[in-house]
Amino acid sequence: MRSAHLHGGTFHSRTCPFLTALAIGLGSFSLMACGDAAKGDPTAESGAIPAESHGRLVIVGGGLSSENADVYHAVLEGRDGNGPFCVMPTASGVPEESMNSAVERFTGYAADARYSGMSAEVTGLWITTENPEAASDSTMVERIEACSGFWFVGGVQSRVMQVFRPATGDSPGYRALMRRWREGAVVAGSSAGAAMMSSRSIGSGTPAAALEFGVVRDADGDGEEDGEGVWLLPGMDFVPWAIVGQHHLARGRWGRLVVAVLEEEDRLGLGIDENTALVYDDDGVAEVVGASGVLMFDVTGATPGDAPRTATGIRVEFLGAGDRVDVRTLAVTRSTAGKAQPTPPPVADASGGAAPDEDGITPPTIDEIAADPFARWALLHLLHAFAAGTVDEVALDGGARTLTLRRAPGFASWARAEEGVQGTPAGLSAGPLTLDITR
C-alpha cells in the first residue's frame, strides 16, 4: 500500500562534548562512549535514525475512540502486502477481550471501499504472558512473517518486553516482527502499545517523584522498578530517536517525560495525548493525526543546571492535527489551513479562568494550574492561555523543582473555530515555548 524510501545516513542525538556537560550538570547521568546504541539497553545512547527503509509507525497516545476514522485509516493505509492485519494482545491484562475488540474495530474499517483489492482479513495472534513460548514457536513466527501490519493493544508495556525481548535474548517472534517492519509492514499501537515503541520505555512513576528522584530501573530483574522516580525499561527499538509517552495531557504525565529525556542521552521527548496519533514514515517526518496533540520537548539547546534534574532553555512545542516535525532536524511545520489565532476562554477573569462552557467545562485558572501543573488536562488549558495571549510566562510548582514556562522568540499559535478537547479550540497548535527547571 505504501512505498519505502532510504534515509541518507545515520543521525546521533548529541555530540560527545554536550553529553559530557550534561553529565556534569545532572549528576546521576551515566555517560557512555559515543557510538551506536545497544538495542534494548536503557542506558545506551539513543538518537540514531535507522538508515534502512522501514514501514509506517502509528503511535497512539491511548483512549482511541472507535469513531476516530483518521487514525484507523492511517494504520490500515500503511499495510504492506496482501496478508492479514494482525492484532497483538500481549500488553493487556484481559488479552482475549482486548484482542477481539481490536479485531472487530479494524475489520469494520478494513471493509472500506478505498481498500478494494486488498485483503480485508484482520486476525489476532495469541502471544501473551500466559504463553510466552508462542513468541519462539516456528508456526507463530511464520504467521508473523505473513502479516501486512501489526496493532499492539494497551495494557502494560513491560509485558511486551517480557515476551518478545526477555532477559535471555530477543525471541524469534521479535526478529520476525522487525523484519516485516523493515520490509514495509505498518507497526501501530495504543497506550502501552505506544510506550513500547522507543528504545527506552517509561514504565511508571509520577511527575513529582521523577523531578525529585530522577530515573530508576529494575536492578534486580524482578520486573518492577527499584526505587522512586520515573521507571525506565528497555523498549522495542522502533523509535531510537526519542522517548515516547502516552496519555500525556489527559493524565498530566509530561513532567516525568522531561526528566527521562534530561537524564538519558536522548535529545527529544514526545508526549502523545489521548485519541491522537503520531504517524511516522521513513522520510524522517512525523505528522499528528487525531483529536488532540503531541507535546515535543527538545533538549538539544538546553543548558544543564548546577543541581540534578535542572536545566534552562528546553524547547517546548505543542503540535496539533496536521502539524509535522522532521525528526532529523527537529524543524516544525504547522498546519494553518482553516485556522486562526485562538481566542481566550469566554468571560476570562484576571487569572485566565473562565465561566463554564455549554458542556459545563470550567477551565482552571492560571493560579490553579501553577499550583498543580500535572493535574488532568491542566497543561492543555495552559497552552490555550499561551496561544490566546492570556499569559506570557508562568512558574509551575513541580514539588522538588520549579518549572518556568514562557513564550520563546518566534512563538506562533493556530486553531480551528470549533471546540475541541476539554473546551479548548480544535486543532490547537502553539510554540515554541521555553522551559526552565530550577530548584
Protein backbone atom coordinates (compact mmCIF):
# COMPACT_ATOMS: atom_id res chain seq x y z
CA MET A 1 0.00 0.00 0.00
CA ARG A 2 2.94 2.29 0.62
CA SER A 3 6.42 2.75 -0.82
CA ALA A 4 9.57 2.85 1.26
CA HIS A 5 12.44 5.33 0.96
CA LEU A 6 16.02 5.14 2.11
CA HIS A 7 17.47 7.54 4.64
CA GLY A 8 20.69 9.21 3.71
CA GLY A 9 22.72 8.15 6.72
CA THR A 10 22.85 7.91 10.48
CA PHE A 11 21.89 10.61 12.95
CA HIS A 12 23.25 10.88 16.51
CA SER A 13 21.40 12.66 19.27
CA ARG A 14 24.20 14.85 20.58
CA THR A 15 27.89 15.44 20.34
CA CYS A 16 30.19 13.99 22.99
CA PRO A 17 31.12 17.41 24.45
CA PHE A 18 27.46 18.21 25.07
CA LEU A 19 26.91 14.82 26.69
CA THR A 20 29.85 15.45 28.97
CA ALA A 21 28.47 18.81 30.02
CA LEU A 22 25.08 17.32 30.65
CA ALA A 23 26.60 14.51 32.68
CA ILE A 24 28.34 17.01 34.92
CA GLY A 25 25.21 19.10 35.33
CA LEU A 26 22.82 16.24 36.05
CA GLY A 27 24.99 14.34 38.48
CA SER A 28 23.26 10.98 38.17
CA PHE A 29 23.77 10.82 34.41
CA SER A 30 25.66 7.75 33.16
CA LEU A 31 27.88 8.75 30.23
CA MET A 32 28.78 6.20 27.60
CA ALA A 33 31.23 6.39 24.76
CA CYS A 34 29.90 7.94 21.59
CA GLY A 35 28.81 5.33 19.11
CA ASP A 36 25.97 3.06 18.13
CA ALA A 37 23.27 2.30 20.70
CA ALA A 38 22.92 -1.18 22.12
CA LYS A 39 19.45 -2.39 21.25
CA GLY A 40 17.14 -2.68 24.20
CA ASP A 41 19.72 -1.30 26.66
CA PRO A 42 18.02 1.53 28.58
CA THR A 43 21.41 3.08 29.39
CA ALA A 44 22.67 3.13 25.79
CA GLU A 45 22.96 6.26 23.66
CA SER A 46 19.84 6.97 21.66
CA GLY A 47 19.06 9.23 18.74
CA ALA A 48 20.05 7.30 15.63
CA ILE A 49 17.51 7.17 12.82
CA PRO A 50 17.69 3.81 11.02
CA ALA A 51 19.45 4.06 7.67
CA GLU A 52 17.44 1.20 6.17
CA SER A 53 13.90 1.59 4.86
CA HIS A 54 11.04 0.58 7.09
CA GLY A 55 7.29 0.60 7.37
CA ARG A 56 4.99 3.17 8.89
CA LEU A 57 4.66 3.71 12.63
CA VAL A 58 1.34 4.89 14.06
CA ILE A 59 1.87 5.75 17.72
CA VAL A 60 -1.43 6.37 19.54
CA GLY A 61 -1.50 8.02 22.95
CA GLY A 62 -4.28 5.80 24.29
CA GLY A 63 -8.02 6.33 24.67
CA LEU A 64 -8.61 5.78 20.95
CA SER A 65 -12.25 6.32 20.06
CA SER A 66 -13.85 3.73 17.80
CA GLU A 67 -15.05 6.71 15.70
CA ASN A 68 -11.61 8.22 15.10
CA ALA A 69 -11.50 7.22 11.44
CA ASP A 70 -8.41 9.30 10.65
CA VAL A 71 -6.25 7.23 12.98
CA TYR A 72 -7.66 3.85 11.95
CA HIS A 73 -7.13 4.66 8.29
CA ALA A 74 -3.61 5.94 8.96
CA VAL A 75 -2.88 2.45 10.29
CA LEU A 76 -4.57 0.46 7.54
CA GLU A 77 -3.15 2.61 4.74
CA GLY A 78 0.33 1.60 5.92
CA ARG A 79 -0.15 -2.14 5.32
CA ASP A 80 2.37 -3.95 3.16
CA GLY A 81 1.42 -6.97 1.05
CA ASN A 82 -1.83 -8.90 0.96
CA GLY A 83 -1.52 -10.78 4.23
CA PRO A 84 -3.80 -10.36 7.24
CA PHE A 85 -3.57 -7.38 9.55
CA CYS A 86 -2.52 -8.83 12.91
CA VAL A 87 -3.56 -7.75 16.41
CA MET A 88 -1.10 -8.39 19.26
CA PRO A 89 -2.81 -8.59 22.70
CA THR A 90 0.45 -9.06 24.63
CA ALA A 91 0.27 -5.95 26.83
CA SER A 92 -3.29 -6.48 28.04
CA GLY A 93 -4.39 -7.88 31.37
CA VAL A 94 -7.51 -9.16 29.61
CA PRO A 95 -5.88 -10.21 26.33
CA GLU A 96 -8.78 -12.13 24.78
CA GLU A 97 -11.21 -9.26 25.33
CA SER A 98 -8.74 -6.66 24.07
CA MET A 99 -7.79 -8.71 21.03
CA ASN A 100 -11.37 -9.41 19.98
CA SER A 101 -12.38 -5.78 20.41
CA ALA A 102 -9.50 -4.55 18.24
CA VAL A 103 -10.13 -7.20 15.58
CA GLU A 104 -13.77 -6.10 15.39
CA ARG A 105 -12.93 -2.40 15.04
CA PHE A 106 -10.22 -2.87 12.41
CA THR A 107 -12.37 -5.35 10.47
CA GLY A 108 -15.04 -2.67 10.14
CA TYR A 109 -12.60 -0.07 8.83
CA ALA A 110 -10.79 -2.56 6.56
CA ALA A 111 -14.07 -3.11 4.68
CA ASP A 112 -13.95 0.49 3.40
CA ALA A 113 -14.17 0.77 -0.37
CA ARG A 114 -10.80 2.55 -0.51
CA TYR A 115 -9.15 -0.81 0.21
CA SER A 116 -10.71 -2.61 -2.74
CA GLY A 117 -8.37 -5.33 -3.94
CA MET A 118 -6.59 -5.61 -0.61
CA SER A 119 -7.13 -8.33 1.95
CA ALA A 120 -9.80 -7.38 4.48
CA GLU A 121 -8.68 -10.08 6.91
CA VAL A 122 -7.92 -8.96 10.45
CA THR A 123 -6.79 -11.60 12.90
CA GLY A 124 -5.41 -11.87 16.41
CA LEU A 125 -2.10 -13.56 17.24
CA TRP A 126 -2.34 -15.19 20.65
CA ILE A 127 1.00 -14.15 22.15
CA THR A 128 0.64 -13.24 25.83
CA THR A 129 2.40 -13.54 29.16
CA GLU A 130 0.28 -16.67 29.65
CA ASN A 131 2.06 -18.38 26.75
CA PRO A 132 5.36 -16.52 26.21
CA GLU A 133 6.74 -19.56 24.39
CA ALA A 134 4.49 -18.59 21.46
CA ALA A 135 7.00 -15.86 20.55
CA SER A 136 9.50 -18.63 19.80
CA ASP A 137 7.15 -21.12 18.15
CA SER A 138 8.03 -21.69 14.49
CA THR A 139 4.39 -21.76 13.39
CA MET A 140 3.70 -18.46 15.11
CA VAL A 141 6.83 -16.94 13.59
CA GLU A 142 5.56 -17.92 10.14
CA ARG A 143 2.24 -16.22 10.91
CA ILE A 144 4.06 -13.04 11.96
CA GLU A 145 6.07 -13.07 8.75
CA ALA A 146 2.82 -13.22 6.74
CA CYS A 147 1.20 -10.18 8.40
CA SER A 148 0.70 -6.96 6.43
CA GLY A 149 0.81 -4.93 9.64
CA PHE A 150 0.54 -5.08 13.40
CA TRP A 151 -1.54 -3.49 16.14
CA PHE A 152 -0.36 -3.68 19.78
CA VAL A 153 -3.18 -3.17 22.27
CA GLY A 154 -2.86 -1.22 25.51
CA GLY A 155 -2.10 -2.52 28.97
CA VAL A 156 1.38 -2.79 30.49
CA GLN A 157 4.36 -2.34 28.19
CA SER A 158 6.68 -4.46 30.33
CA ARG A 159 4.56 -7.48 29.33
CA VAL A 160 5.50 -6.89 25.70
CA MET A 161 9.18 -6.80 26.59
CA GLN A 162 8.90 -9.85 28.83
CA VAL A 163 7.52 -11.90 25.94
CA PHE A 164 9.31 -10.52 22.88
CA ARG A 165 12.62 -9.35 24.36
CA PRO A 166 13.21 -11.36 27.55
CA ALA A 167 16.46 -11.21 29.51
CA THR A 168 17.63 -14.37 27.73
CA GLY A 169 17.64 -12.55 24.39
CA ASP A 170 15.38 -11.43 21.57
CA SER A 171 12.77 -14.01 20.61
CA PRO A 172 12.36 -15.33 17.04
CA GLY A 173 8.96 -13.62 17.03
CA TYR A 174 10.57 -10.26 17.75
CA ARG A 175 13.12 -10.74 14.99
CA ALA A 176 10.33 -11.68 12.55
CA LEU A 177 8.36 -8.60 13.57
CA MET A 178 11.34 -6.34 12.96
CA ARG A 179 11.98 -7.96 9.57
CA ARG A 180 8.40 -7.32 8.48
CA TRP A 181 8.59 -3.71 9.64
CA ARG A 182 11.83 -3.15 7.72
CA GLU A 183 10.20 -4.73 4.67
CA GLY A 184 7.38 -2.18 4.87
CA ALA A 185 4.68 -3.51 7.22
CA VAL A 186 3.00 -0.94 9.47
CA VAL A 187 3.52 -1.23 13.23
CA ALA A 188 0.97 0.59 15.37
CA GLY A 189 -0.17 0.57 18.95
CA SER A 190 -2.08 2.47 21.61
CA SER A 191 -1.17 3.35 25.21
CA ALA A 192 1.28 0.58 26.23
CA GLY A 193 1.45 -0.21 22.52
CA ALA A 194 2.80 3.32 22.07
CA ALA A 195 5.14 3.47 25.06
CA MET A 196 6.88 0.27 23.97
CA MET A 197 7.89 1.85 20.63
CA SER A 198 11.01 3.69 21.77
CA SER A 199 14.38 2.25 22.76
CA ARG A 200 13.66 3.34 26.31
CA SER A 201 10.13 2.89 27.60
CA ILE A 202 8.61 4.75 30.55
CA GLY A 203 7.05 2.10 32.75
CA SER A 204 5.67 4.11 35.67
CA GLY A 205 6.26 6.97 38.06
CA THR A 206 4.65 10.29 38.92
CA PRO A 207 5.98 13.59 37.58
CA ALA A 208 6.66 14.88 41.10
CA ALA A 209 8.66 11.75 42.03
CA ALA A 210 10.55 11.95 38.74
CA LEU A 211 11.57 15.54 39.43
CA GLU A 212 12.66 14.68 42.97
CA PHE A 213 14.37 11.31 42.48
CA GLY A 214 15.12 11.04 38.75
CA VAL A 215 15.32 7.81 36.75
CA VAL A 216 15.03 4.38 38.39
CA ARG A 217 15.41 0.95 36.84
CA ASP A 218 14.70 -2.71 37.53
CA ALA A 219 18.10 -3.53 39.01
CA ASP A 220 17.24 -6.96 40.42
CA GLY A 221 15.32 -8.30 37.41
CA ASP A 222 12.02 -8.88 39.21
CA GLY A 223 10.01 -6.89 36.66
CA GLU A 224 9.43 -3.90 38.94
CA GLU A 225 11.18 -0.59 39.49
CA ASP A 226 13.70 -0.39 42.31
CA GLY A 227 13.08 2.97 43.94
CA GLU A 228 11.01 6.10 43.46
CA GLY A 229 11.13 8.19 40.31
CA VAL A 230 10.40 7.58 36.64
CA TRP A 231 10.93 3.91 35.78
CA LEU A 232 12.75 3.34 32.50
CA LEU A 233 12.88 -0.10 30.96
CA PRO A 234 14.07 -1.31 27.56
CA GLY A 235 11.72 -0.82 24.62
CA MET A 236 11.14 -2.38 21.23
CA ASP A 237 13.53 -0.08 19.30
CA PHE A 238 11.12 1.13 16.63
CA VAL A 239 11.84 4.73 17.74
CA PRO A 240 15.53 5.12 18.66
CA TRP A 241 15.37 8.88 18.12
CA ALA A 242 13.05 9.87 21.01
CA ILE A 243 11.41 8.74 24.23
CA VAL A 244 7.68 8.33 23.69
CA GLY A 245 4.99 8.94 26.33
CA GLN A 246 1.24 8.35 26.20
CA HIS A 247 -1.97 9.77 27.81
CA HIS A 248 0.13 12.89 28.09
CA LEU A 249 -2.24 15.80 28.61
CA ALA A 250 -5.17 13.76 29.84
CA ARG A 251 -3.10 12.37 32.73
CA GLY A 252 -0.55 15.14 33.21
CA ARG A 253 2.50 12.94 32.62
CA TRP A 254 4.72 15.49 30.96
CA GLY A 255 6.98 16.10 33.99
CA ARG A 256 8.30 12.56 34.03
CA LEU A 257 9.00 12.65 30.28
CA VAL A 258 11.13 15.79 30.67
CA VAL A 259 13.15 14.11 33.42
CA ALA A 260 13.62 10.94 31.37
CA VAL A 261 14.91 12.95 28.40
CA LEU A 262 17.23 15.05 30.56
CA GLU A 263 18.75 12.14 32.47
CA GLU A 264 19.27 9.98 29.40
CA GLU A 265 21.24 10.68 26.23
CA ASP A 266 18.04 11.33 24.26
CA ARG A 267 17.54 14.68 22.67
CA LEU A 268 13.78 14.51 22.19
CA GLY A 269 10.67 13.58 24.15
CA LEU A 270 7.27 13.14 22.50
CA GLY A 271 4.19 13.11 24.72
CA ILE A 272 1.17 11.93 22.73
CA ASP A 273 -2.27 12.77 24.07
CA GLU A 274 -5.30 10.50 24.09
CA ASN A 275 -7.29 9.82 20.91
CA THR A 276 -4.31 11.18 18.97
CA ALA A 277 -1.54 9.59 16.93
CA LEU A 278 1.90 10.45 15.64
CA VAL A 279 2.33 8.93 12.17
CA TYR A 280 5.91 8.37 11.06
CA ASP A 281 7.02 7.11 7.66
CA ASP A 282 10.61 6.53 6.59
CA ASP A 283 11.01 10.01 5.09
CA GLY A 284 12.03 11.34 8.50
CA VAL A 285 8.83 13.35 9.04
CA ALA A 286 6.18 12.63 11.68
CA GLU A 287 2.64 14.05 11.46
CA VAL A 288 -0.03 14.49 14.13
CA VAL A 289 -3.43 12.92 13.44
CA GLY A 290 -6.48 12.86 15.70
CA ALA A 291 -8.39 14.82 18.31
CA SER A 292 -5.72 16.44 20.49
CA GLY A 293 -2.00 16.99 20.09
CA VAL A 294 1.59 15.99 20.80
CA LEU A 295 3.99 17.68 23.23
CA MET A 296 7.56 17.94 21.98
CA PHE A 297 10.49 18.51 24.36
CA ASP A 298 13.77 19.33 22.61
CA VAL A 299 16.83 19.48 24.91
CA THR A 300 19.47 19.88 22.19
CA GLY A 301 19.91 23.58 23.03
CA ALA A 302 19.34 23.27 26.78
CA THR A 303 21.95 24.23 29.37
CA PRO A 304 22.31 21.86 32.36
CA GLY A 305 21.89 23.40 35.79
CA ASP A 306 24.08 23.00 38.86
CA ALA A 307 21.69 20.55 40.54
CA PRO A 308 20.41 17.22 39.21
CA ARG A 309 17.30 17.45 37.05
CA THR A 310 17.69 21.16 36.40
CA ALA A 311 18.23 22.84 33.04
CA THR A 312 17.38 26.02 31.18
CA GLY A 313 16.38 26.56 27.59
CA ILE A 314 14.36 23.38 26.94
CA ARG A 315 12.33 23.96 23.79
CA VAL A 316 8.66 23.02 24.02
CA GLU A 317 6.27 22.72 21.07
CA PHE A 318 2.63 21.69 21.07
CA LEU A 319 1.71 20.11 17.75
CA GLY A 320 -1.91 19.86 16.68
CA ALA A 321 -3.56 17.78 13.99
CA GLY A 322 -1.80 18.28 10.65
CA ASP A 323 1.39 19.67 12.20
CA ARG A 324 4.64 17.94 11.28
CA VAL A 325 8.11 17.57 12.73
CA ASP A 326 11.23 16.47 10.90
CA VAL A 327 12.82 14.14 13.44
CA ARG A 328 16.27 14.65 11.89
CA THR A 329 16.37 18.45 12.23
CA LEU A 330 13.50 18.92 14.75
CA ALA A 331 12.04 21.59 12.46
CA VAL A 332 8.30 22.04 12.96
CA THR A 333 5.82 22.84 10.18
CA ARG A 334 2.44 23.99 11.41
CA SER A 335 -0.78 23.34 9.53
CA THR A 336 -2.58 26.67 9.12
CA ALA A 337 -5.35 25.75 6.68
CA GLY A 338 -8.72 26.72 8.13
CA LYS A 339 -7.09 28.04 11.30
CA ALA A 340 -6.63 31.40 13.03
CA GLN A 341 -5.12 32.69 16.26
CA PRO A 342 -7.06 31.14 19.16
CA THR A 343 -9.37 33.29 21.23
CA PRO A 344 -9.28 33.23 25.06
CA PRO A 345 -11.80 31.20 27.06
CA PRO A 346 -15.10 33.12 27.35
CA VAL A 347 -15.51 35.62 30.21
CA ALA A 348 -11.86 35.29 31.22
CA ASP A 349 -11.05 36.53 34.71
CA ALA A 350 -7.79 38.14 35.84
CA SER A 351 -6.16 34.73 36.37
CA GLY A 352 -7.10 33.41 32.94
CA GLY A 353 -10.01 31.26 34.07
CA ALA A 354 -13.46 31.25 32.56
CA ALA A 355 -17.12 30.61 33.07
CA PRO A 356 -18.39 27.09 32.26
CA ASP A 357 -18.91 26.45 28.55
CA GLU A 358 -22.01 24.89 27.04
CA ASP A 359 -20.79 21.43 28.11
CA GLY A 360 -20.30 22.56 31.71
CA ILE A 361 -16.49 22.53 31.50
CA THR A 362 -14.84 25.22 33.61
CA PRO A 363 -11.19 25.77 32.63
CA PRO A 364 -8.84 26.11 35.63
CA THR A 365 -7.33 29.48 36.46
CA ILE A 366 -3.64 30.10 35.85
CA ASP A 367 -3.10 30.10 39.62
CA GLU A 368 -4.74 26.67 39.88
CA ILE A 369 -2.58 25.33 37.06
CA ALA A 370 0.57 26.77 38.63
CA ALA A 371 -0.22 25.04 41.91
CA ASP A 372 -0.99 21.66 40.30
CA PRO A 373 0.58 21.58 36.81
CA PHE A 374 0.27 17.79 36.49
CA ALA A 375 -3.49 17.67 37.06
CA ARG A 376 -5.62 16.17 34.29
CA TRP A 377 -5.69 18.48 31.26
CA ALA A 378 -4.03 21.32 33.22
CA LEU A 379 -1.22 21.83 30.72
CA LEU A 380 -3.65 21.80 27.78
CA HIS A 381 -5.56 24.71 29.32
CA LEU A 382 -2.28 26.50 29.99
CA LEU A 383 -1.21 26.02 26.38
CA HIS A 384 -4.54 27.51 25.31
CA ALA A 385 -3.82 30.53 27.52
CA PHE A 386 -0.36 30.94 25.95
CA ALA A 387 -1.83 30.55 22.47
CA ALA A 388 -4.54 33.13 23.11
CA GLY A 389 -2.14 35.67 24.64
CA THR A 390 -3.67 35.44 28.13
CA VAL A 391 -0.29 34.65 29.67
CA ASP A 392 3.34 35.08 28.58
CA GLU A 393 5.17 33.38 31.45
CA VAL A 394 4.22 31.23 34.43
CA ALA A 395 6.11 29.43 37.20
CA LEU A 396 4.74 25.97 37.96
CA ASP A 397 5.10 24.11 41.25
CA GLY A 398 6.70 20.76 40.46
CA GLY A 399 7.43 19.89 44.07
CA ALA A 400 11.20 19.46 44.30
CA ARG A 401 11.63 21.65 41.22
CA THR A 402 10.08 24.81 39.80
CA LEU A 403 9.21 24.70 36.12
CA THR A 404 9.03 28.09 34.41
CA LEU A 405 7.34 28.16 31.03
CA ARG A 406 7.45 31.23 28.77
CA ARG A 407 6.87 32.22 25.18
CA ALA A 408 10.03 31.97 23.07
CA PRO A 409 11.03 34.14 20.11
CA GLY A 410 9.07 33.21 17.01
CA PHE A 411 6.07 31.98 19.02
CA ALA A 412 3.00 31.31 16.89
CA SER A 413 -0.37 29.73 17.56
CA TRP A 414 -3.22 28.44 15.45
CA ALA A 415 -6.55 26.70 15.99
CA ARG A 416 -9.83 25.97 14.24
CA ALA A 417 -13.00 27.79 15.19
CA GLU A 418 -14.81 24.74 16.56
CA GLU A 419 -14.44 23.38 20.08
CA GLY A 420 -12.01 20.55 20.66
CA VAL A 421 -10.79 18.64 23.71
CA GLN A 422 -11.94 19.85 27.14
CA GLY A 423 -13.36 23.08 25.77
CA THR A 424 -10.10 24.16 24.15
CA PRO A 425 -10.04 25.03 20.44
CA ALA A 426 -9.84 22.15 17.97
CA GLY A 427 -6.53 21.75 16.19
CA LEU A 428 -4.69 23.84 18.80
CA SER A 429 -1.04 24.37 17.87
CA ALA A 430 1.42 26.56 19.77
CA GLY A 431 5.14 27.17 20.14
CA PRO A 432 7.95 27.45 20.63
CA LEU A 433 7.95 27.87 24.39
CA THR A 434 10.98 27.74 26.67
CA LEU A 435 11.03 25.60 29.80
CA ASP A 436 13.46 26.18 32.67
CA ILE A 437 13.70 23.69 35.55
CA THR A 438 15.25 25.00 38.75
CA ARG A 439 15.42 24.00 42.40
